[in-house]
């Protein structure tokens, strides 16, 4: 749910009628309101992230998340992608093959970018 440009976690929804018009009210508990970070759409950054996922972490999102947590980057764009991948891989086991094909089709001459991005 968006409120004033912030994305918030909804805890409950209630149907109501006001002036003979149906409305939905969304509620959030004060301690459960979480502003979601903005999405930085960068195809180049995502390409590097997919390369790191395959080449550095062996297509294991949990290993990538553990690595990010130890470096204090649990809320980074890398972590958001790793969590998304973990969820999607549970539903679509063929996703890993598609990502491996993407990485194979876009070789990087210099592997130093992976070391920088994932260190």
PDB file of N, CA and C in Angstrom:
ATOM      1  N   UNK A   1       0.843  -1.159   0.000  1.00  0.00           N
ATOM      2  CA  UNK A   1       0.000   0.000   0.000  1.00  0.00           C
ATOM      3  C   UNK A   1       0.898   1.235   0.000  1.00  0.00           C
ATOM      4  N   UNK A   2       0.533   2.237  -0.773  1.00  0.00           N
ATOM      5  CA  UNK A   2       1.315   3.483  -0.830  1.00  0.00           C
ATOM      6  C   UNK A   2       0.575   4.593  -0.082  1.00  0.00           C
ATOM      7  N   UNK A   3       1.304   5.255   0.781  1.00  0.00           N
ATOM      8  CA  UNK A   3       0.790   6.419   1.497  1.00  0.00           C
ATOM      9  C   UNK A   3       1.843   7.507   1.396  1.00  0.00           C
ATOM     10  N   UNK A   4       1.480   8.610   0.743  1.00  0.00           N
ATOM     11  CA  UNK A   4       2.405   9.734   0.556  1.00  0.00           C
ATOM     12  C   UNK A   4       3.741   9.273  -0.022  1.00  0.00           C
ATOM     13  N   UNK A   5       3.690   8.375  -0.977  1.00  0.00           N
ATOM     14  CA  UNK A   5       4.902   7.911  -1.638  1.00  0.00           C
ATOM     15  C   UNK A   5       5.650   6.809  -0.913  1.00  0.00           C
ATOM     16  N   UNK A   6       5.230   6.436   0.301  1.00  0.00           N
ATOM     17  CA  UNK A   6       5.879   5.364   1.037  1.00  0.00           C
ATOM     18  C   UNK A   6       5.097   4.076   0.873  1.00  0.00           C
ATOM     19  N   UNK A   7       5.815   2.980   0.745  1.00  0.00           N
ATOM     20  CA  UNK A   7       5.157   1.679   0.682  1.00  0.00           C
ATOM     21  C   UNK A   7       5.091   1.116   2.087  1.00  0.00           C
ATOM     22  N   UNK A   8       3.877   0.762   2.543  1.00  0.00           N
ATOM     23  CA  UNK A   8       3.667   0.306   3.911  1.00  0.00           C
ATOM     24  C   UNK A   8       3.067  -1.096   3.929  1.00  0.00           C
ATOM     25  N   UNK A   9       3.384  -1.836   4.977  1.00  0.00           N
ATOM     26  CA  UNK A   9       2.836  -3.174   5.160  1.00  0.00           C
ATOM     27  C   UNK A   9       1.444  -3.060   5.763  1.00  0.00           C
ATOM     28  N   UNK A  10       0.453  -3.688   5.144  1.00  0.00           N
ATOM     29  CA  UNK A  10      -0.937  -3.661   5.605  1.00  0.00           C
ATOM     30  C   UNK A  10      -1.178  -4.856   6.522  1.00  0.00           C
ATOM     31  N   UNK A  11      -1.756  -4.584   7.693  1.00  0.00           N
ATOM     32  CA  UNK A  11      -2.023  -5.647   8.665  1.00  0.00           C
ATOM     33  C   UNK A  11      -3.472  -6.114   8.648  1.00  0.00           C
ATOM     34  N   UNK A  12      -4.370  -5.270   8.184  1.00  0.00           N
ATOM     35  CA  UNK A  12      -5.776  -5.649   8.156  1.00  0.00           C
ATOM     36  C   UNK A  12      -6.559  -4.775   7.203  1.00  0.00           C
ATOM     37  N   UNK A  13      -7.636  -5.342   6.659  1.00  0.00           N
ATOM     38  CA  UNK A  13      -8.499  -4.615   5.742  1.00  0.00           C
ATOM     39  C   UNK A  13      -9.932  -4.801   6.218  1.00  0.00           C
ATOM     40  N   UNK A  14     -10.699  -3.713   6.184  1.00  0.00           N
ATOM     41  CA  UNK A  14     -12.076  -3.770   6.647  1.00  0.00           C
ATOM     42  C   UNK A  14     -12.986  -3.138   5.598  1.00  0.00           C
ATOM     43  N   UNK A  15     -14.063  -3.822   5.269  1.00  0.00           N
ATOM     44  CA  UNK A  15     -15.057  -3.265   4.346  1.00  0.00           C
ATOM     45  C   UNK A  15     -16.026  -2.411   5.156  1.00  0.00           C
ATOM     46  N   UNK A  16     -16.403  -1.275   4.595  1.00  0.00           N
ATOM     47  CA  UNK A  16     -17.299  -0.359   5.301  1.00  0.00           C
ATOM     48  C   UNK A  16     -18.183   0.326   4.267  1.00  0.00           C
ATOM     49  N   UNK A  17     -19.234   0.988   4.742  1.00  0.00           N
ATOM     50  CA  UNK A  17     -20.115   1.769   3.871  1.00  0.00           C
ATOM     51  C   UNK A  17     -20.185   3.170   4.453  1.00  0.00           C
ATOM     52  N   UNK A  18     -19.835   4.151   3.635  1.00  0.00           N
ATOM     53  CA  UNK A  18     -19.873   5.553   4.052  1.00  0.00           C
ATOM     54  C   UNK A  18     -20.689   6.313   3.021  1.00  0.00           C
ATOM     55  N   UNK A  19     -21.738   6.975   3.491  1.00  0.00           N
ATOM     56  CA  UNK A  19     -22.633   7.726   2.614  1.00  0.00           C
ATOM     57  C   UNK A  19     -23.121   6.854   1.453  1.00  0.00           C
ATOM     58  N   UNK A  20     -23.538   5.646   1.794  1.00  0.00           N
ATOM     59  CA  UNK A  20     -24.076   4.675   0.836  1.00  0.00           C
ATOM     60  C   UNK A  20     -23.069   4.242  -0.231  1.00  0.00           C
ATOM     61  N   UNK A  21     -21.786   4.421   0.048  1.00  0.00           N
ATOM     62  CA  UNK A  21     -20.745   3.974  -0.892  1.00  0.00           C
ATOM     63  C   UNK A  21     -19.830   2.981  -0.186  1.00  0.00           C
ATOM     64  N   UNK A  22     -19.563   1.843  -0.813  1.00  0.00           N
ATOM     65  CA  UNK A  22     -18.649   0.880  -0.184  1.00  0.00           C
ATOM     66  C   UNK A  22     -17.198   1.384  -0.261  1.00  0.00           C
ATOM     67  N   UNK A  23     -16.472   1.207   0.826  1.00  0.00           N
ATOM     68  CA  UNK A  23     -15.058   1.568   0.844  1.00  0.00           C
ATOM     69  C   UNK A  23     -14.285   0.465   1.562  1.00  0.00           C
ATOM     70  N   UNK A  24     -13.016   0.409   1.323  1.00  0.00           N
ATOM     71  CA  UNK A  24     -12.116  -0.483   2.043  1.00  0.00           C
ATOM     72  C   UNK A  24     -11.178   0.367   2.879  1.00  0.00           C
ATOM     73  N   UNK A  25     -10.997  -0.042   4.125  1.00  0.00           N
ATOM     74  CA  UNK A  25     -10.049   0.639   4.998  1.00  0.00           C
ATOM     75  C   UNK A  25      -8.899  -0.314   5.288  1.00  0.00           C
ATOM     76  N   UNK A  26      -7.705   0.163   5.064  1.00  0.00           N
ATOM     77  CA  UNK A  26      -6.514  -0.633   5.357  1.00  0.00           C
ATOM     78  C   UNK A  26      -5.899  -0.136   6.655  1.00  0.00           C
ATOM     79  N   UNK A  27      -5.505  -1.063   7.506  1.00  0.00           N
ATOM     80  CA  UNK A  27      -4.929  -0.723   8.798  1.00  0.00           C
ATOM     81  C   UNK A  27      -3.514  -1.261   8.904  1.00  0.00           C
ATOM     82  N   UNK A  28      -2.699  -0.499   9.617  1.00  0.00           N
ATOM     83  CA  UNK A  28      -1.349  -0.947   9.943  1.00  0.00           C
ATOM     84  C   UNK A  28      -1.155  -0.756  11.435  1.00  0.00           C
ATOM     85  N   UNK A  29      -0.536  -1.723  12.072  1.00  0.00           N
ATOM     86  CA  UNK A  29      -0.192  -1.566  13.483  1.00  0.00           C
ATOM     87  C   UNK A  29       1.024  -0.644  13.546  1.00  0.00           C
ATOM     88  N   UNK A  30       1.044   0.244  14.519  1.00  0.00           N
ATOM     89  CA  UNK A  30       2.124   1.234  14.564  1.00  0.00           C
ATOM     90  C   UNK A  30       3.506   0.585  14.575  1.00  0.00           C
ATOM     91  N   UNK A  31       3.661  -0.513  15.296  1.00  0.00           N
ATOM     92  CA  UNK A  31       4.968  -1.165  15.348  1.00  0.00           C
ATOM     93  C   UNK A  31       5.225  -2.055  14.133  1.00  0.00           C
ATOM     94  N   UNK A  32       4.277  -2.145  13.249  1.00  0.00           N
ATOM     95  CA  UNK A  32       4.428  -3.017  12.089  1.00  0.00           C
ATOM     96  C   UNK A  32       4.477  -2.226  10.778  1.00  0.00           C
ATOM     97  N   UNK A  33       4.585  -0.918  10.863  1.00  0.00           N
ATOM     98  CA  UNK A  33       4.656  -0.104   9.665  1.00  0.00           C
ATOM     99  C   UNK A  33       6.096  -0.096   9.187  1.00  0.00           C
ATOM    100  N   UNK A  34       6.277  -0.528   7.973  1.00  0.00           N
ATOM    101  CA  UNK A  34       7.621  -0.622   7.421  1.00  0.00           C
ATOM    102  C   UNK A  34       7.650   0.138   6.108  1.00  0.00           C
ATOM    103  N   UNK A  35       8.448   1.174   6.050  1.00  0.00           N
ATOM    104  CA  UNK A  35       8.611   1.892   4.790  1.00  0.00           C
ATOM    105  C   UNK A  35       9.525   1.067   3.895  1.00  0.00           C
ATOM    106  N   UNK A  36       9.019   0.712   2.744  1.00  0.00           N
ATOM    107  CA  UNK A  36       9.809  -0.082   1.809  1.00  0.00           C
ATOM    108  C   UNK A  36      10.720   0.847   1.025  1.00  0.00           C
ATOM    109  N   UNK A  37      11.961   0.437   0.807  1.00  0.00           N
ATOM    110  CA  UNK A  37      12.870   1.298   0.054  1.00  0.00           C
ATOM    111  C   UNK A  37      12.433   1.413  -1.395  1.00  0.00           C
ATOM    112  N   UNK A  38      12.778   2.514  -1.996  1.00  0.00           N
ATOM    113  CA  UNK A  38      12.466   2.705  -3.403  1.00  0.00           C
ATOM    114  C   UNK A  38      13.230   1.727  -4.269  1.00  0.00           C
ATOM    115  N   UNK A  39      12.679   1.423  -5.396  1.00  0.00           N
ATOM    116  CA  UNK A  39      13.322   0.472  -6.296  1.00  0.00           C
ATOM    117  C   UNK A  39      14.226   1.241  -7.239  1.00  0.00           C
ATOM    118  N   UNK A  40      15.469   0.854  -7.259  1.00  0.00           N
ATOM    119  CA  UNK A  40      16.406   1.460  -8.196  1.00  0.00           C
ATOM    120  C   UNK A  40      16.482   0.545  -9.408  1.00  0.00           C
ATOM    121  N   UNK A  41      15.866   0.972 -10.474  1.00  0.00           N
ATOM    122  CA  UNK A  41      15.852   0.151 -11.681  1.00  0.00           C
ATOM    123  C   UNK A  41      17.116   0.402 -12.474  1.00  0.00           C
ATOM    124  N   UNK A  42      18.004  -0.549 -12.418  1.00  0.00           N
ATOM    125  CA  UNK A  42      19.244  -0.431 -13.167  1.00  0.00           C
ATOM    126  C   UNK A  42      19.549  -1.777 -13.804  1.00  0.00           C
ATOM    127  N   UNK A  43      19.373  -1.895 -15.109  1.00  0.00           N
ATOM    128  CA  UNK A  43      19.644  -3.167 -15.758  1.00  0.00           C
ATOM    129  C   UNK A  43      21.096  -3.599 -15.617  1.00  0.00           C
ATOM    130  N   UNK A  44      22.018  -2.648 -15.591  1.00  0.00           N
ATOM    131  CA  UNK A  44      23.434  -2.995 -15.449  1.00  0.00           C
ATOM    132  C   UNK A  44      23.700  -3.568 -14.062  1.00  0.00           C
ATOM    133  N   UNK A  45      23.165  -2.929 -13.027  1.00  0.00           N
ATOM    134  CA  UNK A  45      23.346  -3.446 -11.666  1.00  0.00           C
ATOM    135  C   UNK A  45      22.728  -4.829 -11.535  1.00  0.00           C
ATOM    136  N   UNK A  46      21.550  -5.017 -12.120  1.00  0.00           N
ATOM    137  CA  UNK A  46      20.915  -6.337 -12.055  1.00  0.00           C
ATOM    138  C   UNK A  46      21.747  -7.387 -12.777  1.00  0.00           C
ATOM    139  N   UNK A  47      22.340  -7.022 -13.898  1.00  0.00           N
ATOM    140  CA  UNK A  47      23.191  -7.972 -14.619  1.00  0.00           C
ATOM    141  C   UNK A  47      24.373  -8.397 -13.750  1.00  0.00           C
ATOM    142  N   UNK A  48      25.017  -7.435 -13.094  1.00  0.00           N
ATOM    143  CA  UNK A  48      26.113  -7.766 -12.177  1.00  0.00           C
ATOM    144  C   UNK A  48      25.620  -8.655 -11.039  1.00  0.00           C
ATOM    145  N   UNK A  49      24.430  -8.367 -10.548  1.00  0.00           N
ATOM    146  CA  UNK A  49      23.885  -9.169  -9.450  1.00  0.00           C
ATOM    147  C   UNK A  49      23.639 -10.611  -9.888  1.00  0.00           C
ATOM    148  N   UNK A  50      23.111 -10.798 -11.098  1.00  0.00           N
ATOM    149  CA  UNK A  50      22.899 -12.161 -11.584  1.00  0.00           C
ATOM    150  C   UNK A  50      24.224 -12.886 -11.772  1.00  0.00           C
ATOM    151  N   UNK A  51      25.232 -12.186 -12.254  1.00  0.00           N
ATOM    152  CA  UNK A  51      26.560 -12.802 -12.387  1.00  0.00           C
ATOM    153  C   UNK A  51      27.089 -13.216 -11.013  1.00  0.00           C
ATOM    154  N   UNK A  52      26.953 -12.340 -10.015  1.00  0.00           N
ATOM    155  CA  UNK A  52      27.404 -12.679  -8.662  1.00  0.00           C
ATOM    156  C   UNK A  52      26.634 -13.876  -8.125  1.00  0.00           C
ATOM    157  N   UNK A  53      25.330 -13.892  -8.356  1.00  0.00           N
ATOM    158  CA  UNK A  53      24.480 -14.996  -7.889  1.00  0.00           C
ATOM    159  C   UNK A  53      24.956 -16.335  -8.438  1.00  0.00           C
ATOM    160  N   UNK A  54      25.288 -16.373  -9.716  1.00  0.00           N
ATOM    161  CA  UNK A  54      25.697 -17.627 -10.357  1.00  0.00           C
ATOM    162  C   UNK A  54      27.162 -17.943 -10.077  1.00  0.00           C
ATOM    163  N   UNK A  55      28.045 -16.980 -10.343  1.00  0.00           N
ATOM    164  CA  UNK A  55      29.478 -17.262 -10.325  1.00  0.00           C
ATOM    165  C   UNK A  55      30.084 -17.268  -8.928  1.00  0.00           C
ATOM    166  N   UNK A  56      29.587 -16.430  -8.055  1.00  0.00           N
ATOM    167  CA  UNK A  56      30.198 -16.331  -6.728  1.00  0.00           C
ATOM    168  C   UNK A  56      29.474 -17.178  -5.689  1.00  0.00           C
ATOM    169  N   UNK A  57      28.138 -17.297  -5.824  1.00  0.00           N
ATOM    170  CA  UNK A  57      27.363 -17.991  -4.798  1.00  0.00           C
ATOM    171  C   UNK A  57      26.718 -19.280  -5.280  1.00  0.00           C
ATOM    172  N   UNK A  58      27.041 -19.721  -6.493  1.00  0.00           N
ATOM    173  CA  UNK A  58      26.569 -21.015  -6.980  1.00  0.00           C
ATOM    174  C   UNK A  58      25.066 -21.157  -7.016  1.00  0.00           C
ATOM    175  N   UNK A  59      24.349 -20.072  -7.298  1.00  0.00           N
ATOM    176  CA  UNK A  59      22.879 -20.063  -7.374  1.00  0.00           C
ATOM    177  C   UNK A  59      22.217 -20.411  -6.046  1.00  0.00           C
ATOM    178  N   UNK A  60      22.859 -20.034  -4.954  1.00  0.00           N
ATOM    179  CA  UNK A  60      22.315 -20.281  -3.619  1.00  0.00           C
ATOM    180  C   UNK A  60      21.965 -18.949  -2.964  1.00  0.00           C
ATOM    181  N   UNK A  61      20.674 -18.562  -2.998  1.00  0.00           N
ATOM    182  CA  UNK A  61      20.306 -17.271  -2.425  1.00  0.00           C
ATOM    183  C   UNK A  61      20.544 -17.192  -0.920  1.00  0.00           C
ATOM    184  N   UNK A  62      20.446 -18.318  -0.210  1.00  0.00           N
ATOM    185  CA  UNK A  62      20.683 -18.300   1.228  1.00  0.00           C
ATOM    186  C   UNK A  62      22.146 -17.998   1.542  1.00  0.00           C
ATOM    187  N   UNK A  63      23.066 -18.540   0.748  1.00  0.00           N
ATOM    188  CA  UNK A  63      24.488 -18.239   0.939  1.00  0.00           C
ATOM    189  C   UNK A  63      24.753 -16.757   0.666  1.00  0.00           C
ATOM    190  N   UNK A  64      24.098 -16.223  -0.349  1.00  0.00           N
ATOM    191  CA  UNK A  64      24.270 -14.810  -0.679  1.00  0.00           C
ATOM    192  C   UNK A  64      23.730 -13.931   0.445  1.00  0.00           C
ATOM    193  N   UNK A  65      22.555 -14.268   0.968  1.00  0.00           N
ATOM    194  CA  UNK A  65      21.966 -13.500   2.070  1.00  0.00           C
ATOM    195  C   UNK A  65      22.829 -13.567   3.326  1.00  0.00           C
ATOM    196  N   UNK A  66      23.374 -14.738   3.629  1.00  0.00           N
ATOM    197  CA  UNK A  66      24.257 -14.867   4.797  1.00  0.00           C
ATOM    198  C   UNK A  66      25.492 -13.992   4.623  1.00  0.00           C
ATOM    199  N   UNK A  67      26.038 -13.981   3.419  1.00  0.00           N
ATOM    200  CA  UNK A  67      27.201 -13.152   3.118  1.00  0.00           C
ATOM    201  C   UNK A  67      26.864 -11.665   3.315  1.00  0.00           C
ATOM    202  N   UNK A  68      25.712 -11.250   2.841  1.00  0.00           N
ATOM    203  CA  UNK A  68      25.309  -9.851   2.968  1.00  0.00           C
ATOM    204  C   UNK A  68      25.052  -9.470   4.423  1.00  0.00           C
ATOM    205  N   UNK A  69      24.438 -10.380   5.183  1.00  0.00           N
ATOM    206  CA  UNK A  69      24.171 -10.100   6.600  1.00  0.00           C
ATOM    207  C   UNK A  69      25.468  -9.888   7.375  1.00  0.00           C
ATOM    208  N   UNK A  70      26.479 -10.707   7.104  1.00  0.00           N
ATOM    209  CA  UNK A  70      27.744 -10.564   7.840  1.00  0.00           C
ATOM    210  C   UNK A  70      28.441  -9.253   7.518  1.00  0.00           C
ATOM    211  N   UNK A  71      28.105  -8.653   6.399  1.00  0.00           N
ATOM    212  CA  UNK A  71      28.714  -7.380   6.009  1.00  0.00           C
ATOM    213  C   UNK A  71      27.799  -6.184   6.258  1.00  0.00           C
ATOM    214  N   UNK A  72      26.678  -6.412   6.960  1.00  0.00           N
ATOM    215  CA  UNK A  72      25.777  -5.317   7.295  1.00  0.00           C
ATOM    216  C   UNK A  72      25.014  -4.766   6.108  1.00  0.00           C
ATOM    217  N   UNK A  73      24.776  -5.602   5.104  1.00  0.00           N
ATOM    218  CA  UNK A  73      24.085  -5.151   3.895  1.00  0.00           C
ATOM    219  C   UNK A  73      22.774  -5.908   3.696  1.00  0.00           C
ATOM    220  N   UNK A  74      22.108  -6.238   4.785  1.00  0.00           N
ATOM    221  CA  UNK A  74      20.884  -7.038   4.705  1.00  0.00           C
ATOM    222  C   UNK A  74      19.720  -6.286   4.073  1.00  0.00           C
ATOM    223  N   UNK A  75      19.823  -4.973   3.936  1.00  0.00           N
ATOM    224  CA  UNK A  75      18.746  -4.184   3.337  1.00  0.00           C
ATOM    225  C   UNK A  75      19.131  -3.625   1.971  1.00  0.00           C
ATOM    226  N   UNK A  76      20.178  -4.139   1.391  1.00  0.00           N
ATOM    227  CA  UNK A  76      20.667  -3.619   0.109  1.00  0.00           C
ATOM    228  C   UNK A  76      19.839  -4.156  -1.059  1.00  0.00           C
ATOM    229  N   UNK A  77      20.080  -3.597  -2.221  1.00  0.00           N
ATOM    230  CA  UNK A  77      19.432  -4.088  -3.435  1.00  0.00           C
ATOM    231  C   UNK A  77      19.811  -5.527  -3.724  1.00  0.00           C
ATOM    232  N   UNK A  78      21.042  -5.896  -3.377  1.00  0.00           N
ATOM    233  CA  UNK A  78      21.468  -7.280  -3.556  1.00  0.00           C
ATOM    234  C   UNK A  78      20.615  -8.218  -2.700  1.00  0.00           C
ATOM    235  N   UNK A  79      20.366  -7.812  -1.462  1.00  0.00           N
ATOM    236  CA  UNK A  79      19.565  -8.649  -0.555  1.00  0.00           C
ATOM    237  C   UNK A  79      18.127  -8.754  -1.040  1.00  0.00           C
ATOM    238  N   UNK A  80      17.572  -7.642  -1.545  1.00  0.00           N
ATOM    239  CA  UNK A  80      16.200  -7.710  -2.061  1.00  0.00           C
ATOM    240  C   UNK A  80      16.117  -8.687  -3.225  1.00  0.00           C
ATOM    241  N   UNK A  81      17.104  -8.651  -4.117  1.00  0.00           N
ATOM    242  CA  UNK A  81      17.099  -9.585  -5.245  1.00  0.00           C
ATOM    243  C   UNK A  81      17.272 -11.016  -4.753  1.00  0.00           C
ATOM    244  N   UNK A  82      18.158 -11.252  -3.797  1.00  0.00           N
ATOM    245  CA  UNK A  82      18.368 -12.605  -3.273  1.00  0.00           C
ATOM    246  C   UNK A  82      17.098 -13.153  -2.632  1.00  0.00           C
ATOM    247  N   UNK A  83      16.377 -12.313  -1.876  1.00  0.00           N
ATOM    248  CA  UNK A  83      15.117 -12.781  -1.272  1.00  0.00           C
ATOM    249  C   UNK A  83      14.073 -13.072  -2.347  1.00  0.00           C
ATOM    250  N   UNK A  84      14.013 -12.216  -3.366  1.00  0.00           N
ATOM    251  CA  UNK A  84      13.074 -12.445  -4.459  1.00  0.00           C
ATOM    252  C   UNK A  84      13.419 -13.738  -5.187  1.00  0.00           C
ATOM    253  N   UNK A  85      14.700 -13.962  -5.443  1.00  0.00           N
ATOM    254  CA  UNK A  85      15.115 -15.189  -6.122  1.00  0.00           C
ATOM    255  C   UNK A  85      14.764 -16.427  -5.300  1.00  0.00           C
ATOM    256  N   UNK A  86      14.995 -16.357  -3.997  1.00  0.00           N
ATOM    257  CA  UNK A  86      14.679 -17.501  -3.135  1.00  0.00           C
ATOM    258  C   UNK A  86      13.194 -17.850  -3.224  1.00  0.00           C
ATOM    259  N   UNK A  87      12.342 -16.831  -3.198  1.00  0.00           N
ATOM    260  CA  UNK A  87      10.897 -17.059  -3.295  1.00  0.00           C
ATOM    261  C   UNK A  87      10.513 -17.616  -4.655  1.00  0.00           C
ATOM    262  N   UNK A  88      11.022 -17.004  -5.712  1.00  0.00           N
ATOM    263  CA  UNK A  88      10.691 -17.453  -7.071  1.00  0.00           C
ATOM    264  C   UNK A  88      11.210 -18.856  -7.366  1.00  0.00           C
ATOM    265  N   UNK A  89      12.387 -19.195  -6.848  1.00  0.00           N
ATOM    266  CA  UNK A  89      12.964 -20.525  -7.106  1.00  0.00           C
ATOM    267  C   UNK A  89      12.128 -21.629  -6.482  1.00  0.00           C
ATOM    268  N   UNK A  90      11.456 -21.328  -5.387  1.00  0.00           N
ATOM    269  CA  UNK A  90      10.582 -22.331  -4.767  1.00  0.00           C
ATOM    270  C   UNK A  90       9.401 -22.657  -5.670  1.00  0.00           C
ATOM    271  N   UNK A  91       8.903 -21.624  -6.376  1.00  0.00           N
ATOM    272  CA  UNK A  91       7.752 -21.823  -7.263  1.00  0.00           C
ATOM    273  C   UNK A  91       8.147 -22.287  -8.651  1.00  0.00           C
ATOM    274  N   UNK A  92       9.330 -21.888  -9.104  1.00  0.00           N
ATOM    275  CA  UNK A  92       9.750 -22.170 -10.475  1.00  0.00           C
ATOM    276  C   UNK A  92      11.176 -22.708 -10.486  1.00  0.00           C
ATOM    277  N   UNK A  93      11.343 -24.028 -10.407  1.00  0.00           N
ATOM    278  CA  UNK A  93      12.690 -24.596 -10.377  1.00  0.00           C
ATOM    279  C   UNK A  93      13.483 -24.351 -11.666  1.00  0.00           C
ATOM    280  N   UNK A  94      12.815 -24.026 -12.759  1.00  0.00           N
ATOM    281  CA  UNK A  94      13.516 -23.759 -14.016  1.00  0.00           C
ATOM    282  C   UNK A  94      14.127 -22.365 -14.064  1.00  0.00           C
ATOM    283  N   UNK A  95      13.832 -21.535 -13.080  1.00  0.00           N
ATOM    284  CA  UNK A  95      14.362 -20.178 -13.060  1.00  0.00           C
ATOM    285  C   UNK A  95      15.889 -20.180 -13.025  1.00  0.00           C
ATOM    286  N   UNK A  96      16.483 -21.079 -12.261  1.00  0.00           N
ATOM    287  CA  UNK A  96      17.942 -21.137 -12.159  1.00  0.00           C
ATOM    288  C   UNK A  96      18.560 -21.401 -13.527  1.00  0.00           C
ATOM    289  N   UNK A  97      17.961 -22.297 -14.289  1.00  0.00           N
ATOM    290  CA  UNK A  97      18.490 -22.575 -15.631  1.00  0.00           C
ATOM    291  C   UNK A  97      18.414 -21.341 -16.519  1.00  0.00           C
ATOM    292  N   UNK A  98      17.336 -20.600 -16.427  1.00  0.00           N
ATOM    293  CA  UNK A  98      17.190 -19.380 -17.229  1.00  0.00           C
ATOM    294  C   UNK A  98      18.233 -18.339 -16.821  1.00  0.00           C
ATOM    295  N   UNK A  99      18.500 -18.220 -15.538  1.00  0.00           N
ATOM    296  CA  UNK A  99      19.503 -17.264 -15.070  1.00  0.00           C
ATOM    297  C   UNK A  99      20.895 -17.706 -15.513  1.00  0.00           C
ATOM    298  N   UNK A 100      21.165 -18.990 -15.426  1.00  0.00           N
ATOM    299  CA  UNK A 100      22.479 -19.486 -15.900  1.00  0.00           C
ATOM    300  C   UNK A 100      22.663 -19.205 -17.387  1.00  0.00           C
ATOM    301  N   UNK A 101      21.596 -19.370 -18.179  1.00  0.00           N
ATOM    302  CA  UNK A 101      21.692 -19.055 -19.615  1.00  0.00           C
ATOM    303  C   UNK A 101      21.960 -17.569 -19.831  1.00  0.00           C
ATOM    304  N   UNK A 102      21.307 -16.724 -19.061  1.00  0.00           N
ATOM    305  CA  UNK A 102      21.531 -15.285 -19.148  1.00  0.00           C
ATOM    306  C   UNK A 102      22.986 -14.942 -18.850  1.00  0.00           C
ATOM    307  N   UNK A 103      23.516 -15.511 -17.788  1.00  0.00           N
ATOM    308  CA  UNK A 103      24.898 -15.237 -17.398  1.00  0.00           C
ATOM    309  C   UNK A 103      25.870 -15.769 -18.454  1.00  0.00           C
ATOM    310  N   UNK A 104      25.594 -16.947 -18.984  1.00  0.00           N
ATOM    311  CA  UNK A 104      26.467 -17.514 -20.020  1.00  0.00           C
ATOM    312  C   UNK A 104      26.432 -16.680 -21.295  1.00  0.00           C
ATOM    313  N   UNK A 105      25.295 -16.069 -21.580  1.00  0.00           N
ATOM    314  CA  UNK A 105      25.158 -15.272 -22.798  1.00  0.00           C
ATOM    315  C   UNK A 105      25.762 -13.885 -22.656  1.00  0.00           C
ATOM    316  N   UNK A 106      26.090 -13.487 -21.436  1.00  0.00           N
ATOM    317  CA  UNK A 106      26.662 -12.153 -21.207  1.00  0.00           C
ATOM    318  C   UNK A 106      27.955 -12.265 -20.416  1.00  0.00           C
ATOM    319  N   UNK A 107      28.990 -12.850 -21.024  1.00  0.00           N
ATOM    320  CA  UNK A 107      30.247 -13.025 -20.278  1.00  0.00           C
ATOM    321  C   UNK A 107      30.886 -11.680 -19.944  1.00  0.00           C
ATOM    322  N   UNK A 108      31.555 -11.659 -18.815  1.00  0.00           N
ATOM    323  CA  UNK A 108      32.281 -10.460 -18.378  1.00  0.00           C
ATOM    324  C   UNK A 108      33.771 -10.751 -18.540  1.00  0.00           C
ATOM    325  N   UNK A 109      34.487  -9.824 -19.138  1.00  0.00           N
ATOM    326  CA  UNK A 109      35.919 -10.018 -19.340  1.00  0.00           C
ATOM    327  C   UNK A 109      36.698  -9.954 -18.039  1.00  0.00           C
ATOM    328  N   UNK A 110      36.244  -9.108 -17.134  1.00  0.00           N
ATOM    329  CA  UNK A 110      36.969  -8.870 -15.886  1.00  0.00           C
ATOM    330  C   UNK A 110      36.108  -9.330 -14.722  1.00  0.00           C
ATOM    331  N   UNK A 111      36.611 -10.281 -13.937  1.00  0.00           N
ATOM    332  CA  UNK A 111      35.856 -10.769 -12.785  1.00  0.00           C
ATOM    333  C   UNK A 111      36.030  -9.894 -11.546  1.00  0.00           C
ATOM    334  N   UNK A 112      36.815  -8.832 -11.645  1.00  0.00           N
ATOM    335  CA  UNK A 112      37.034  -7.961 -10.488  1.00  0.00           C
ATOM    336  C   UNK A 112      35.732  -7.303 -10.030  1.00  0.00           C
ATOM    337  N   UNK A 113      34.792  -7.107 -10.955  1.00  0.00           N
ATOM    338  CA  UNK A 113      33.516  -6.483 -10.567  1.00  0.00           C
ATOM    339  C   UNK A 113      32.774  -7.337  -9.558  1.00  0.00           C
ATOM    340  N   UNK A 114      32.881  -8.665  -9.669  1.00  0.00           N
ATOM    341  CA  UNK A 114      32.196  -9.541  -8.713  1.00  0.00           C
ATOM    342  C   UNK A 114      32.831  -9.428  -7.347  1.00  0.00           C
ATOM    343  N   UNK A 115      34.145  -9.345  -7.315  1.00  0.00           N
ATOM    344  CA  UNK A 115      34.846  -9.221  -6.046  1.00  0.00           C
ATOM    345  C   UNK A 115      34.447  -7.920  -5.360  1.00  0.00           C
ATOM    346  N   UNK A 116      34.356  -6.851  -6.111  1.00  0.00           N
ATOM    347  CA  UNK A 116      33.964  -5.559  -5.539  1.00  0.00           C
ATOM    348  C   UNK A 116      32.521  -5.587  -5.066  1.00  0.00           C
ATOM    349  N   UNK A 117      31.637  -6.138  -5.863  1.00  0.00           N
ATOM    350  CA  UNK A 117      30.202  -6.114  -5.544  1.00  0.00           C
ATOM    351  C   UNK A 117      29.854  -7.040  -4.391  1.00  0.00           C
ATOM    352  N   UNK A 118      30.610  -8.095  -4.199  1.00  0.00           N
ATOM    353  CA  UNK A 118      30.207  -9.086  -3.202  1.00  0.00           C
ATOM    354  C   UNK A 118      31.165  -9.177  -2.037  1.00  0.00           C
ATOM    355  N   UNK A 119      32.119  -8.274  -1.941  1.00  0.00           N
ATOM    356  CA  UNK A 119      33.060  -8.344  -0.806  1.00  0.00           C
ATOM    357  C   UNK A 119      32.536  -7.548   0.366  1.00  0.00           C
TER     358      UNK A 119
END
